Amino acid sequence: MTVLLTGVAGFIGYHVAEALLTRGERVIGVDDLNAYYDVRLKQARLARLEGREGFAFHRADVADRETMHGLVHAHGDIDRVVHLAAQAGVRHSLADPYAYVQANVLGHLVVLEAARRLPQLRHLVYASSSSVYGGSDHLPFSEADRADTPLSLYAATKRADELMSHAYAHLHGLPVTGLRFFTVYGPWGRPDMAYYSFARAIAAGEPITLYDGGRLRRDFTYIDDIVAGVLACLDRPPDGVPPIRLLNIGNHRSEEVNTLVALLEQALGRRAIRREVPRPPADVRATCAAIEAIGALTGFAPRTPLTEGIPRFAAWFKEWHAIA
């Protein structure tokens, strides 16, 4: 019983790998360790996995079809795939659009093709995003809502992944679950995310940039809750015709960015220097996840409010950056 996990050195991937290994699974991790953000953080996550019983790592680009097809050919015992590798970041897609098509579209296609060649495959779970809901003002976002007005190329690539997955489920009977993640945060997080960049600026006494006066609202979801939801979904392959599902995975609470900043100030013991600017066109005003579907399927119920999660992140942040 072996899980192929792409993006294993990433924020969510690392935590999912830890949880799988803890419950006795074999994990084959894939990551290209690209330099989108500090590679030392990715290497440190990976170092915490290497040496653990049942873990093997392959440095590879998921868009490299020869390497990925060779990997699954050599490991015919893989029965589940968790595909989390992607080029992340909404705003960065304005600067380097080709990277998003390469990693998120071609990479997803390669994983689908590799997965359908696995003789024992029971389930493929992959990362989509709340960004697919675009500029919808209907909260909370529901899986039944239309998702055809993306506000960023990143969102468009994630929606393309959902459509390709539906085609493969229909054509090849591939059991696939897509998870629409909502603003995941916590220890070992991504430095490009707002909560992390705010913490870094506050600790350094530098200004933070707040869009629309910090009134944007996000469904902040703590990493431990996310991991519990990913594993619960992985354990429940869809059995419909075609065998596919799309699920929100979030906290079902929409909170102002101002609240996030206040909690960071308290946890770090410093006041933020605020610089307010208009909201960029790629950013939505608010997100909030309807989670009835994933709750009914798995019993998923987020347990970590922002008031608990941010202090945990801040404690790790200070240790990682050696801040007294």
C-alpha atoms as a PDB file:
ATOM      1  CA  MET A   1       0.000   0.000   0.000  1.00  0.00           C
ATOM      2  CA  THR A   2       1.952   2.970  -1.322  1.00  0.00           C
ATOM      3  CA  VAL A   3       1.044   6.616  -1.868  1.00  0.00           C
ATOM      4  CA  LEU A   4       2.666   8.733  -4.561  1.00  0.00           C
ATOM      5  CA  LEU A   5       2.752  12.299  -3.216  1.00  0.00           C
ATOM      6  CA  THR A   6       3.794  15.141  -5.509  1.00  0.00           C
ATOM      7  CA  GLY A   7       4.908  18.466  -4.063  1.00  0.00           C
ATOM      8  CA  VAL A   8       6.200  16.611  -1.000  1.00  0.00           C
ATOM      9  CA  ALA A   9       8.598  19.415   0.002  1.00  0.00           C
ATOM     10  CA  GLY A  10       5.818  21.996  -0.167  1.00  0.00           C
ATOM     11  CA  PHE A  11       3.835  23.310   2.776  1.00  0.00           C
ATOM     12  CA  ILE A  12       0.760  21.077   2.515  1.00  0.00           C
ATOM     13  CA  GLY A  13       2.662  18.205   0.927  1.00  0.00           C
ATOM     14  CA  TYR A  14       5.150  17.979   3.789  1.00  0.00           C
ATOM     15  CA  HIS A  15       2.410  17.869   6.430  1.00  0.00           C
ATOM     16  CA  VAL A  16       0.374  15.293   4.496  1.00  0.00           C
ATOM     17  CA  ALA A  17       3.473  13.123   4.073  1.00  0.00           C
ATOM     18  CA  GLU A  18       4.163  13.284   7.824  1.00  0.00           C
ATOM     19  CA  ALA A  19       0.611  12.217   8.603  1.00  0.00           C
ATOM     20  CA  LEU A  20       0.711   9.329   6.110  1.00  0.00           C
ATOM     21  CA  LEU A  21       4.018   8.056   7.477  1.00  0.00           C
ATOM     22  CA  THR A  22       2.749   8.339  11.040  1.00  0.00           C
ATOM     23  CA  ARG A  23      -0.146   6.041  10.250  1.00  0.00           C
ATOM     24  CA  GLY A  24       2.217   3.489   8.660  1.00  0.00           C
ATOM     25  CA  GLU A  25       1.861   4.221   4.954  1.00  0.00           C
ATOM     26  CA  ARG A  26       4.673   4.008   2.412  1.00  0.00           C
ATOM     27  CA  VAL A  27       5.183   7.366   0.690  1.00  0.00           C
ATOM     28  CA  ILE A  28       7.010   8.034  -2.562  1.00  0.00           C
ATOM     29  CA  GLY A  29       7.580  11.778  -2.576  1.00  0.00           C
ATOM     30  CA  VAL A  30       8.230  13.857  -5.697  1.00  0.00           C
ATOM     31  CA  ASP A  31       9.328  17.498  -5.792  1.00  0.00           C
ATOM     32  CA  ASP A  32      11.534  19.594  -8.082  1.00  0.00           C
ATOM     33  CA  LEU A  33      12.571  21.962  -5.257  1.00  0.00           C
ATOM     34  CA  ASN A  34      12.130  25.004  -7.484  1.00  0.00           C
ATOM     35  CA  ALA A  35      13.227  28.455  -6.371  1.00  0.00           C
ATOM     36  CA  TYR A  36       9.825  30.208  -6.313  1.00  0.00           C
ATOM     37  CA  TYR A  37      10.521  30.760  -2.615  1.00  0.00           C
ATOM     38  CA  ASP A  38      13.473  29.982  -0.326  1.00  0.00           C
ATOM     39  CA  VAL A  39      14.653  26.477  -1.214  1.00  0.00           C
ATOM     40  CA  ARG A  40      16.195  26.127   2.254  1.00  0.00           C
ATOM     41  CA  LEU A  41      12.713  25.924   3.735  1.00  0.00           C
ATOM     42  CA  LYS A  42      11.755  23.158   1.302  1.00  0.00           C
ATOM     43  CA  GLN A  43      14.977  21.310   2.071  1.00  0.00           C
ATOM     44  CA  ALA A  44      14.343  21.619   5.809  1.00  0.00           C
ATOM     45  CA  ARG A  45      10.855  20.148   5.428  1.00  0.00           C
ATOM     46  CA  LEU A  46      12.280  17.327   3.337  1.00  0.00           C
ATOM     47  CA  ALA A  47      15.032  16.651   5.880  1.00  0.00           C
ATOM     48  CA  ARG A  48      12.353  15.961   8.495  1.00  0.00           C
ATOM     49  CA  LEU A  49      10.923  13.232   6.247  1.00  0.00           C
ATOM     50  CA  GLU A  50      14.093  11.610   4.952  1.00  0.00           C
ATOM     51  CA  GLY A  51      15.228   8.702   7.044  1.00  0.00           C
ATOM     52  CA  ARG A  52      11.731   7.903   8.223  1.00  0.00           C
ATOM     53  CA  GLU A  53      10.639   4.328   7.628  1.00  0.00           C
ATOM     54  CA  GLY A  54       8.566   3.998   4.474  1.00  0.00           C
ATOM     55  CA  PHE A  55       9.690   7.253   2.819  1.00  0.00           C
ATOM     56  CA  ALA A  56      11.491   7.576  -0.515  1.00  0.00           C
ATOM     57  CA  PHE A  57      12.202  10.823  -2.368  1.00  0.00           C
ATOM     58  CA  HIS A  58      12.613  11.512  -6.072  1.00  0.00           C
ATOM     59  CA  ARG A  59      13.631  14.956  -7.283  1.00  0.00           C
ATOM     60  CA  ALA A  60      11.603  15.433 -10.444  1.00  0.00           C
ATOM     61  CA  ASP A  61       9.392  17.873 -12.319  1.00  0.00           C
ATOM     62  CA  VAL A  62       5.849  16.542 -12.593  1.00  0.00           C
ATOM     63  CA  ALA A  63       5.679  17.991 -16.110  1.00  0.00           C
ATOM     64  CA  ASP A  64       8.507  15.639 -17.179  1.00  0.00           C
ATOM     65  CA  ARG A  65       6.430  12.833 -18.609  1.00  0.00           C
ATOM     66  CA  GLU A  66       9.278  10.390 -19.210  1.00  0.00           C
ATOM     67  CA  THR A  67      10.435  10.637 -15.608  1.00  0.00           C
ATOM     68  CA  MET A  68       6.943  10.423 -14.139  1.00  0.00           C
ATOM     69  CA  HIS A  69       5.882   7.517 -16.340  1.00  0.00           C
ATOM     70  CA  GLY A  70       9.145   5.734 -15.493  1.00  0.00           C
ATOM     71  CA  LEU A  71       8.489   6.296 -11.801  1.00  0.00           C
ATOM     72  CA  VAL A  72       5.049   4.712 -11.823  1.00  0.00           C
ATOM     73  CA  HIS A  73       6.316   1.867 -14.019  1.00  0.00           C
ATOM     74  CA  ALA A  74       8.986   1.123 -11.403  1.00  0.00           C
ATOM     75  CA  HIS A  75       6.466   1.290  -8.544  1.00  0.00           C
ATOM     76  CA  GLY A  76       3.458  -0.720  -9.630  1.00  0.00           C
ATOM     77  CA  ASP A  77       2.385  -1.078  -5.993  1.00  0.00           C
ATOM     78  CA  ILE A  78       1.256   2.586  -5.864  1.00  0.00           C
ATOM     79  CA  ASP A  79      -2.459   2.444  -5.135  1.00  0.00           C
ATOM     80  CA  ARG A  80      -3.172   6.099  -4.310  1.00  0.00           C
ATOM     81  CA  VAL A  81      -1.881   9.433  -5.587  1.00  0.00           C
ATOM     82  CA  VAL A  82      -1.951  12.777  -3.772  1.00  0.00           C
ATOM     83  CA  HIS A  83      -1.065  15.408  -6.363  1.00  0.00           C
ATOM     84  CA  LEU A  84      -0.146  18.695  -4.682  1.00  0.00           C
ATOM     85  CA  ALA A  85       2.725  19.890  -6.891  1.00  0.00           C
ATOM     86  CA  ALA A  86       1.926  23.184  -8.619  1.00  0.00           C
ATOM     87  CA  GLN A  87       3.191  26.643  -9.362  1.00  0.00           C
ATOM     88  CA  ALA A  88       1.544  28.565  -6.538  1.00  0.00           C
ATOM     89  CA  GLY A  89       0.717  32.229  -6.099  1.00  0.00           C
ATOM     90  CA  VAL A  90      -2.074  34.309  -7.595  1.00  0.00           C
ATOM     91  CA  ARG A  91      -0.115  37.505  -8.234  1.00  0.00           C
ATOM     92  CA  HIS A  92       3.040  35.792  -9.508  1.00  0.00           C
ATOM     93  CA  SER A  93       0.990  34.419 -12.409  1.00  0.00           C
ATOM     94  CA  LEU A  94       1.001  37.958 -13.804  1.00  0.00           C
ATOM     95  CA  ALA A  95       4.809  37.942 -13.861  1.00  0.00           C
ATOM     96  CA  ASP A  96       5.484  34.410 -15.150  1.00  0.00           C
ATOM     97  CA  PRO A  97       2.382  32.980 -16.845  1.00  0.00           C
ATOM     98  CA  TYR A  98       4.262  30.252 -18.696  1.00  0.00           C
ATOM     99  CA  ALA A  99       5.381  28.651 -15.423  1.00  0.00           C
ATOM    100  CA  TYR A 100       1.724  28.163 -14.465  1.00  0.00           C
ATOM    101  CA  VAL A 101       0.758  26.456 -17.702  1.00  0.00           C
ATOM    102  CA  GLN A 102       3.870  24.255 -17.535  1.00  0.00           C
ATOM    103  CA  ALA A 103       3.425  23.150 -13.919  1.00  0.00           C
ATOM    104  CA  ASN A 104      -0.321  23.329 -13.366  1.00  0.00           C
ATOM    105  CA  VAL A 105      -1.731  22.310 -16.746  1.00  0.00           C
ATOM    106  CA  LEU A 106       0.937  20.137 -18.369  1.00  0.00           C
ATOM    107  CA  GLY A 107       2.049  18.810 -14.973  1.00  0.00           C
ATOM    108  CA  HIS A 108      -1.515  17.849 -14.070  1.00  0.00           C
ATOM    109  CA  LEU A 109      -1.980  16.113 -17.416  1.00  0.00           C
ATOM    110  CA  VAL A 110       1.217  14.126 -16.923  1.00  0.00           C
ATOM    111  CA  VAL A 111       0.041  13.001 -13.462  1.00  0.00           C
ATOM    112  CA  LEU A 112      -3.339  11.940 -14.873  1.00  0.00           C
ATOM    113  CA  GLU A 113      -1.625   9.948 -17.612  1.00  0.00           C
ATOM    114  CA  ALA A 114       0.785   8.365 -15.133  1.00  0.00           C
ATOM    115  CA  ALA A 115      -2.024   7.531 -12.704  1.00  0.00           C
ATOM    116  CA  ARG A 116      -4.136   5.732 -15.289  1.00  0.00           C
ATOM    117  CA  ARG A 117      -1.206   3.409 -15.935  1.00  0.00           C
ATOM    118  CA  LEU A 118      -1.096   2.234 -12.313  1.00  0.00           C
ATOM    119  CA  PRO A 119      -2.621  -1.271 -12.178  1.00  0.00           C
ATOM    120  CA  GLN A 120      -3.683  -1.008  -8.526  1.00  0.00           C
ATOM    121  CA  LEU A 121      -4.841   2.624  -8.447  1.00  0.00           C
ATOM    122  CA  ARG A 122      -7.752   3.190  -6.081  1.00  0.00           C
ATOM    123  CA  HIS A 123      -7.836   6.993  -5.849  1.00  0.00           C
ATOM    124  CA  LEU A 124      -6.213  10.193  -7.086  1.00  0.00           C
ATOM    125  CA  VAL A 125      -6.658  13.285  -4.889  1.00  0.00           C
ATOM    126  CA  TYR A 126      -5.389  16.603  -6.234  1.00  0.00           C
ATOM    127  CA  ALA A 127      -5.197  20.234  -5.164  1.00  0.00           C
ATOM    128  CA  SER A 128      -7.534  22.738  -6.725  1.00  0.00           C
ATOM    129  CA  SER A 129      -8.169  26.176  -5.224  1.00  0.00           C
ATOM    130  CA  SER A 130     -10.864  28.510  -3.951  1.00  0.00           C
ATOM    131  CA  SER A 131      -9.564  30.884  -6.639  1.00  0.00           C
ATOM    132  CA  VAL A 132     -11.705  29.057  -9.209  1.00  0.00           C
ATOM    133  CA  TYR A 133     -14.770  30.864  -7.827  1.00  0.00           C
ATOM    134  CA  GLY A 134     -13.435  34.116  -9.286  1.00  0.00           C
ATOM    135  CA  GLY A 135     -15.157  37.315  -8.264  1.00  0.00           C
ATOM    136  CA  SER A 136     -18.298  35.698  -6.913  1.00  0.00           C
ATOM    137  CA  ASP A 137     -20.000  37.717  -4.178  1.00  0.00           C
ATOM    138  CA  HIS A 138     -22.210  34.797  -3.173  1.00  0.00           C
ATOM    139  CA  LEU A 139     -20.895  33.541   0.160  1.00  0.00           C
ATOM    140  CA  PRO A 140     -20.186  30.916   1.212  1.00  0.00           C
ATOM    141  CA  PHE A 141     -18.753  29.495  -2.020  1.00  0.00           C
ATOM    142  CA  SER A 142     -20.502  26.238  -2.863  1.00  0.00           C
ATOM    143  CA  GLU A 143     -19.343  23.450  -5.157  1.00  0.00           C
ATOM    144  CA  ALA A 144     -22.615  23.960  -7.053  1.00  0.00           C
ATOM    145  CA  ASP A 145     -21.655  27.564  -7.931  1.00  0.00           C
ATOM    146  CA  ARG A 146     -20.406  28.403 -11.410  1.00  0.00           C
ATOM    147  CA  ALA A 147     -16.619  28.574 -11.695  1.00  0.00           C
ATOM    148  CA  ASP A 148     -16.060  30.002 -15.159  1.00  0.00           C
ATOM    149  CA  THR A 149     -14.979  33.600 -14.443  1.00  0.00           C
ATOM    150  CA  PRO A 150     -11.389  33.349 -13.100  1.00  0.00           C
ATOM    151  CA  LEU A 151      -9.702  36.579 -12.034  1.00  0.00           C
ATOM    152  CA  SER A 152      -6.151  35.252 -12.457  1.00  0.00           C
ATOM    153  CA  LEU A 153      -4.265  32.860 -14.690  1.00  0.00           C
ATOM    154  CA  TYR A 154      -3.516  30.779 -11.601  1.00  0.00           C
ATOM    155  CA  ALA A 155      -7.256  30.302 -11.065  1.00  0.00           C
ATOM    156  CA  ALA A 156      -7.737  29.462 -14.742  1.00  0.00           C
ATOM    157  CA  THR A 157      -5.086  26.727 -14.575  1.00  0.00           C
ATOM    158  CA  LYS A 158      -6.707  25.202 -11.507  1.00  0.00           C
ATOM    159  CA  ARG A 159     -10.105  25.184 -13.196  1.00  0.00           C
ATOM    160  CA  ALA A 160      -8.463  23.549 -16.219  1.00  0.00           C
ATOM    161  CA  ASP A 161      -7.185  20.814 -13.881  1.00  0.00           C
ATOM    162  CA  GLU A 162     -10.743  20.189 -12.699  1.00  0.00           C
ATOM    163  CA  LEU A 163     -12.038  19.890 -16.261  1.00  0.00           C
ATOM    164  CA  MET A 164      -9.217  17.583 -17.356  1.00  0.00           C
ATOM    165  CA  SER A 165      -9.837  15.394 -14.328  1.00  0.00           C
ATOM    166  CA  HIS A 166     -13.512  15.082 -15.247  1.00  0.00           C
ATOM    167  CA  ALA A 167     -12.540  13.993 -18.760  1.00  0.00           C
ATOM    168  CA  TYR A 168     -10.170  11.315 -17.427  1.00  0.00           C
ATOM    169  CA  ALA A 169     -12.742  10.024 -14.976  1.00  0.00           C
ATOM    170  CA  HIS A 170     -15.236   9.764 -17.847  1.00  0.00           C
ATOM    171  CA  LEU A 171     -12.847   8.278 -20.419  1.00  0.00           C
ATOM    172  CA  HIS A 172     -10.748   5.974 -18.244  1.00  0.00           C
ATOM    173  CA  GLY A 173     -12.795   5.402 -15.101  1.00  0.00           C
ATOM    174  CA  LEU A 174     -10.087   7.157 -13.087  1.00  0.00           C
ATOM    175  CA  PRO A 175     -11.346   7.714  -9.495  1.00  0.00           C
ATOM    176  CA  VAL A 176     -10.519  11.368  -8.825  1.00  0.00           C
ATOM    177  CA  THR A 177     -11.242  13.885  -6.057  1.00  0.00           C
ATOM    178  CA  GLY A 178     -10.380  17.562  -6.420  1.00  0.00           C
ATOM    179  CA  LEU A 179     -10.022  19.640  -3.256  1.00  0.00           C
ATOM    180  CA  ARG A 180     -10.580  23.393  -3.404  1.00  0.00           C
ATOM    181  CA  PHE A 181      -8.257  24.693  -0.686  1.00  0.00           C
ATOM    182  CA  PHE A 182      -9.074  27.923   1.170  1.00  0.00           C
ATOM    183  CA  THR A 183      -6.091  30.036   2.444  1.00  0.00           C
ATOM    184  CA  VAL A 184      -4.091  27.401   4.300  1.00  0.00           C
ATOM    185  CA  TYR A 185      -1.726  28.639   7.030  1.00  0.00           C
ATOM    186  CA  GLY A 186       0.397  27.319   9.870  1.00  0.00           C
ATOM    187  CA  PRO A 187       3.924  26.232  10.865  1.00  0.00           C
ATOM    188  CA  TRP A 188       6.314  25.475   7.999  1.00  0.00           C
ATOM    189  CA  GLY A 189       4.116  27.663   5.789  1.00  0.00           C
ATOM    190  CA  ARG A 190       4.859  29.395   2.496  1.00  0.00           C
ATOM    191  CA  PRO A 191       6.793  32.695   2.715  1.00  0.00           C
ATOM    192  CA  ASP A 192       4.842  34.135  -0.234  1.00  0.00           C
ATOM    193  CA  MET A 193       1.536  33.928   1.643  1.00  0.00           C
ATOM    194  CA  ALA A 194       0.216  37.130   3.220  1.00  0.00           C
ATOM    195  CA  TYR A 195       0.267  35.904   6.839  1.00  0.00           C
ATOM    196  CA  TYR A 196       3.935  34.904   6.521  1.00  0.00           C
ATOM    197  CA  SER A 197       5.043  38.074   4.724  1.00  0.00           C
ATOM    198  CA  PHE A 198       3.161  40.161   7.320  1.00  0.00           C
ATOM    199  CA  ALA A 199       4.952  38.334  10.144  1.00  0.00           C
ATOM    200  CA  ARG A 200       8.320  38.876   8.518  1.00  0.00           C
ATOM    201  CA  ALA A 201       7.682  42.601   8.007  1.00  0.00           C
ATOM    202  CA  ILE A 202       6.281  43.137  11.513  1.00  0.00           C
ATOM    203  CA  ALA A 203       9.271  41.364  13.085  1.00  0.00           C
ATOM    204  CA  ALA A 204      11.665  43.495  11.021  1.00  0.00           C
ATOM    205  CA  GLY A 205       9.873  46.776  11.725  1.00  0.00           C
ATOM    206  CA  GLU A 206       9.016  47.181   8.060  1.00  0.00           C
ATOM    207  CA  PRO A 207       5.661  48.287   6.604  1.00  0.00           C
ATOM    208  CA  ILE A 208       3.008  45.800   5.529  1.00  0.00           C
ATOM    209  CA  THR A 209       0.766  46.413   2.527  1.00  0.00           C
ATOM    210  CA  LEU A 210      -2.947  46.150   3.234  1.00  0.00           C
ATOM    211  CA  TYR A 211      -5.413  46.095   0.366  1.00  0.00           C
ATOM    212  CA  ASP A 212      -8.607  48.087   0.832  1.00  0.00           C
ATOM    213  CA  GLY A 213      -7.584  49.004   4.367  1.00  0.00           C
ATOM    214  CA  GLY A 214      -7.303  45.369   5.456  1.00  0.00           C
ATOM    215  CA  ARG A 215     -11.012  44.803   4.907  1.00  0.00           C
ATOM    216  CA  LEU A 216     -10.565  41.898   2.506  1.00  0.00           C
ATOM    217  CA  ARG A 217     -11.908  38.719   4.071  1.00  0.00           C
ATOM    218  CA  ARG A 218     -10.444  35.235   3.825  1.00  0.00           C
ATOM    219  CA  ASP A 219     -11.386  31.756   4.996  1.00  0.00           C
ATOM    220  CA  PHE A 220      -8.169  31.028   6.910  1.00  0.00           C
ATOM    221  CA  THR A 221      -7.757  27.263   7.407  1.00  0.00           C
ATOM    222  CA  TYR A 222      -5.179  25.766   9.758  1.00  0.00           C
ATOM    223  CA  ILE A 223      -2.849  23.135   8.333  1.00  0.00           C
ATOM    224  CA  ASP A 224      -3.770  20.357  10.791  1.00  0.00           C
ATOM    225  CA  ASP A 225      -7.427  20.657   9.803  1.00  0.00           C
ATOM    226  CA  ILE A 226      -6.460  20.551   6.131  1.00  0.00           C
ATOM    227  CA  VAL A 227      -4.375  17.407   6.591  1.00  0.00           C
ATOM    228  CA  ALA A 228      -7.193  15.635   8.416  1.00  0.00           C
ATOM    229  CA  GLY A 229      -9.529  16.479   5.538  1.00  0.00           C
ATOM    230  CA  VAL A 230      -7.092  15.365   2.832  1.00  0.00           C
ATOM    231  CA  LEU A 231      -6.541  11.973   4.459  1.00  0.00           C
ATOM    232  CA  ALA A 232     -10.241  11.460   5.106  1.00  0.00           C
ATOM    233  CA  CYS A 233     -10.980  12.142   1.435  1.00  0.00           C
ATOM    234  CA  LEU A 234      -8.115   9.933   0.258  1.00  0.00           C
ATOM    235  CA  ASP A 235      -9.641   7.046   2.222  1.00  0.00           C
ATOM    236  CA  ARG A 236     -12.994   7.442   0.421  1.00  0.00           C
ATOM    237  CA  PRO A 237     -12.679   7.042  -3.352  1.00  0.00           C
ATOM    238  CA  PRO A 238     -15.690   8.167  -5.381  1.00  0.00           C
ATOM    239  CA  ASP A 239     -17.790   5.347  -6.833  1.00  0.00           C
ATOM    240  CA  GLY A 240     -20.157   7.246  -9.088  1.00  0.00           C
ATOM    241  CA  VAL A 241     -20.270   7.292 -12.884  1.00  0.00           C
ATOM    242  CA  PRO A 242     -17.944   8.913 -13.705  1.00  0.00           C
ATOM    243  CA  PRO A 243     -16.032   8.373 -10.426  1.00  0.00           C
ATOM    244  CA  ILE A 244     -15.221  12.001  -9.671  1.00  0.00           C
ATOM    245  CA  ARG A 245     -16.000  14.655  -7.075  1.00  0.00           C
ATOM    246  CA  LEU A 246     -15.048  18.235  -6.240  1.00  0.00           C
ATOM    247  CA  LEU A 247     -15.013  19.383  -2.621  1.00  0.00           C
ATOM    248  CA  ASN A 248     -14.322  22.592  -0.760  1.00  0.00           C
ATOM    249  CA  ILE A 249     -11.895  22.212   2.123  1.00  0.00           C
ATOM    250  CA  GLY A 250     -11.875  25.276   4.347  1.00  0.00           C
ATOM    251  CA  ASN A 251     -12.704  26.638   7.770  1.00  0.00           C
ATOM    252  CA  HIS A 252     -16.197  27.990   6.946  1.00  0.00           C
ATOM    253  CA  ARG A 253     -15.293  31.324   8.584  1.00  0.00           C
ATOM    254  CA  SER A 254     -14.601  34.509   6.624  1.00  0.00           C
ATOM    255  CA  GLU A 255     -12.424  36.871   8.655  1.00  0.00           C
ATOM    256  CA  GLU A 256     -10.934  40.271   7.887  1.00  0.00           C
ATOM    257  CA  VAL A 257      -7.250  40.546   7.138  1.00  0.00           C
ATOM    258  CA  ASN A 258      -7.216  43.207   9.877  1.00  0.00           C
ATOM    259  CA  THR A 259      -8.026  40.452  12.380  1.00  0.00           C
ATOM    260  CA  LEU A 260      -5.109  38.400  11.118  1.00  0.00           C
ATOM    261  CA  VAL A 261      -2.770  41.385  11.498  1.00  0.00           C
ATOM    262  CA  ALA A 262      -3.951  42.087  15.047  1.00  0.00           C
ATOM    263  CA  LEU A 263      -3.290  38.478  16.064  1.00  0.00           C
ATOM    264  CA  LEU A 264       0.186  38.577  14.503  1.00  0.00           C
ATOM    265  CA  GLU A 265       0.942  41.822  16.358  1.00  0.00           C
ATOM    266  CA  GLN A 266      -0.074  40.212  19.635  1.00  0.00           C
ATOM    267  CA  ALA A 267       1.870  36.991  19.005  1.00  0.00           C
ATOM    268  CA  LEU A 268       5.027  38.786  17.854  1.00  0.00           C
ATOM    269  CA  GLY A 269       4.853  41.573  20.420  1.00  0.00           C
ATOM    270  CA  ARG A 270       5.226  44.359  17.849  1.00  0.00           C
ATOM    271  CA  ARG A 271       2.887  46.779  16.120  1.00  0.00           C
ATOM    272  CA  ALA A 272       2.553  46.674  12.361  1.00  0.00           C
ATOM    273  CA  ILE A 273       3.435  49.667  10.205  1.00  0.00           C
ATOM    274  CA  ARG A 274       0.539  49.821   7.778  1.00  0.00           C
ATOM    275  CA  ARG A 275       0.551  50.969   4.160  1.00  0.00           C
ATOM    276  CA  GLU A 276      -2.875  50.912   2.553  1.00  0.00           C
ATOM    277  CA  VAL A 277      -3.353  50.543  -1.205  1.00  0.00           C
ATOM    278  CA  PRO A 278      -6.274  49.607  -3.492  1.00  0.00           C
ATOM    279  CA  ARG A 279      -7.041  45.947  -4.084  1.00  0.00           C
ATOM    280  CA  PRO A 280      -5.289  44.567  -7.201  1.00  0.00           C
ATOM    281  CA  PRO A 281      -7.530  43.104  -9.929  1.00  0.00           C
ATOM    282  CA  ALA A 282      -6.345  39.514  -9.327  1.00  0.00           C
ATOM    283  CA  ASP A 283      -7.482  39.540  -5.677  1.00  0.00           C
ATOM    284  CA  VAL A 284     -11.064  38.742  -4.677  1.00  0.00           C
ATOM    285  CA  ARG A 285     -12.862  40.687  -1.926  1.00  0.00           C
ATOM    286  CA  ALA A 286     -13.834  37.710   0.203  1.00  0.00           C
ATOM    287  CA  THR A 287     -13.716  33.927   0.406  1.00  0.00           C
ATOM    288  CA  CYS A 288     -15.690  31.510   2.541  1.00  0.00           C
ATOM    289  CA  ALA A 289     -16.114  27.771   2.080  1.00  0.00           C
ATOM    290  CA  ALA A 290     -19.358  25.865   2.225  1.00  0.00           C
ATOM    291  CA  ILE A 291     -18.170  22.567   3.739  1.00  0.00           C
ATOM    292  CA  GLU A 292     -21.382  20.582   4.064  1.00  0.00           C
ATOM    293  CA  ALA A 293     -20.353  18.184   1.275  1.00  0.00           C
ATOM    294  CA  ILE A 294     -16.960  17.230   2.708  1.00  0.00           C
ATOM    295  CA  GLY A 295     -18.506  17.104   6.179  1.00  0.00           C
ATOM    296  CA  ALA A 296     -21.226  14.687   5.062  1.00  0.00           C
ATOM    297  CA  LEU A 297     -18.684  12.483   3.283  1.00  0.00           C
ATOM    298  CA  THR A 298     -15.923  12.369   5.896  1.00  0.00           C
ATOM    299  CA  GLY A 299     -17.104  14.042   9.099  1.00  0.00           C
ATOM    300  CA  PHE A 300     -14.649  16.890   8.379  1.00  0.00           C
ATOM    301  CA  ALA A 301     -15.060  19.649  10.968  1.00  0.00           C
ATOM    302  CA  PRO A 302     -12.291  22.253  11.350  1.00  0.00           C
ATOM    303  CA  ARG A 303     -11.261  22.628  14.987  1.00  0.00           C
ATOM    304  CA  THR A 304      -8.643  25.395  14.927  1.00  0.00           C
ATOM    305  CA  PRO A 305      -9.779  29.028  15.072  1.00  0.00           C
ATOM    306  CA  LEU A 306      -7.480  31.814  13.925  1.00  0.00           C
ATOM    307  CA  THR A 307      -6.960  32.807  17.574  1.00  0.00           C
ATOM    308  CA  GLU A 308      -5.224  29.457  18.165  1.00  0.00           C
ATOM    309  CA  GLY A 309      -3.603  28.893  14.796  1.00  0.00           C
ATOM    310  CA  ILE A 310      -1.768  32.211  14.493  1.00  0.00           C
ATOM    311  CA  PRO A 311       0.040  31.900  17.849  1.00  0.00           C
ATOM    312  CA  ARG A 312       1.168  28.393  16.808  1.00  0.00           C
ATOM    313  CA  PHE A 313       2.445  29.744  13.504  1.00  0.00           C
ATOM    314  CA  ALA A 314       4.155  32.679  15.245  1.00  0.00           C
ATOM    315  CA  ALA A 315       5.944  30.348  17.691  1.00  0.00           C
ATOM    316  CA  TRP A 316       7.329  28.312  14.796  1.00  0.00           C
ATOM    317  CA  PHE A 317       8.156  31.496  12.830  1.00  0.00           C
ATOM    318  CA  LYS A 318      10.240  32.892  15.679  1.00  0.00           C
ATOM    319  CA  GLU A 319      12.096  29.618  16.102  1.00  0.00           C
ATOM    320  CA  TRP A 320      12.763  29.227  12.358  1.00  0.00           C
ATOM    321  CA  HIS A 321      14.036  32.797  12.027  1.00  0.00           C
ATOM    322  CA  ALA A 322      15.850  32.758  15.405  1.00  0.00           C
ATOM    323  CA  ILE A 323      13.819  35.674  16.803  1.00  0.00           C
ATOM    324  CA  ALA A 324      13.960  36.047  20.565  1.00  0.00           C
END
